Amino acid sequence: MVKDTSEELFDYILALKAMAVLANPDRKLYSDFEVRGKTTLQEPVVDENDGWG
């Protein structure tokens, strides 16, 4: 799949924003476990009937 210019620009902006967040030493970063708790340890389940058809 070939990306058009707007998709490439969006990806570039998103990467720049991520770099800015990670470059800030005062920013608190949370682990997956801190955010989702014990759910993190469970295997993901795919629901074929979730409506996203």
Protein backbone atom coordinates (compact mmCIF):
# COMPACT_ATOMS: atom_id res chain seq x y z
CA MET A 1 0.00 0.00 0.00
CA VAL A 2 1.35 3.41 -0.97
CA LYS A 3 0.84 6.31 1.41
CA ASP A 4 -0.31 9.60 0.02
CA THR A 5 1.28 12.89 1.07
CA SER A 6 -1.28 13.66 3.77
CA GLU A 7 -0.76 10.25 5.41
CA GLU A 8 3.01 10.72 5.35
CA LEU A 9 2.65 14.19 6.87
CA PHE A 10 0.33 12.88 9.59
CA ASP A 11 2.80 10.09 10.45
CA TYR A 12 5.66 12.61 10.57
CA ILE A 13 3.74 14.96 12.88
CA LEU A 14 2.76 12.05 15.12
CA ALA A 15 6.40 10.95 15.37
CA LEU A 16 7.50 14.51 16.22
CA LYS A 17 4.88 14.75 18.97
CA ALA A 18 6.01 11.42 20.42
CA MET A 19 9.64 12.55 20.41
CA ALA A 20 8.68 15.79 22.17
CA VAL A 21 6.81 13.89 24.88
CA LEU A 22 9.64 11.43 25.45
CA ALA A 23 12.29 14.18 25.47
CA ASN A 24 10.65 15.94 28.42
CA PRO A 25 12.48 14.66 31.54
CA ASP A 26 9.77 15.97 33.88
CA ARG A 27 6.99 13.96 32.24
CA LYS A 28 5.72 10.94 34.18
CA LEU A 29 5.59 7.80 32.04
CA TYR A 30 3.42 4.86 33.06
CA SER A 31 3.97 1.19 32.33
CA ASP A 32 1.30 -0.97 30.75
CA PHE A 33 0.81 -2.70 34.10
CA GLU A 34 0.36 0.63 35.92
CA VAL A 35 -2.36 1.64 33.47
CA ARG A 36 -4.24 -1.63 32.92
CA GLY A 37 -3.41 -3.54 36.10
CA LYS A 38 -3.87 -7.32 36.12
CA THR A 39 -5.57 -7.15 32.71
CA THR A 40 -2.07 -6.74 31.31
CA LEU A 41 -1.24 -10.32 32.30
CA GLN A 42 -4.21 -11.86 30.46
CA GLU A 43 -3.95 -13.17 26.92
CA PRO A 44 -5.88 -11.03 24.42
CA VAL A 45 -9.13 -12.51 23.10
CA VAL A 46 -10.47 -11.77 19.63
CA ASP A 47 -14.25 -11.44 19.52
CA GLU A 48 -15.42 -12.25 16.00
CA ASN A 49 -18.88 -10.80 16.80
CA ASP A 50 -17.75 -7.42 18.08
CA GLY A 51 -19.63 -5.48 15.39
CA TRP A 52 -16.57 -4.23 13.49
CA GLY A 53 -17.46 -6.67 10.71
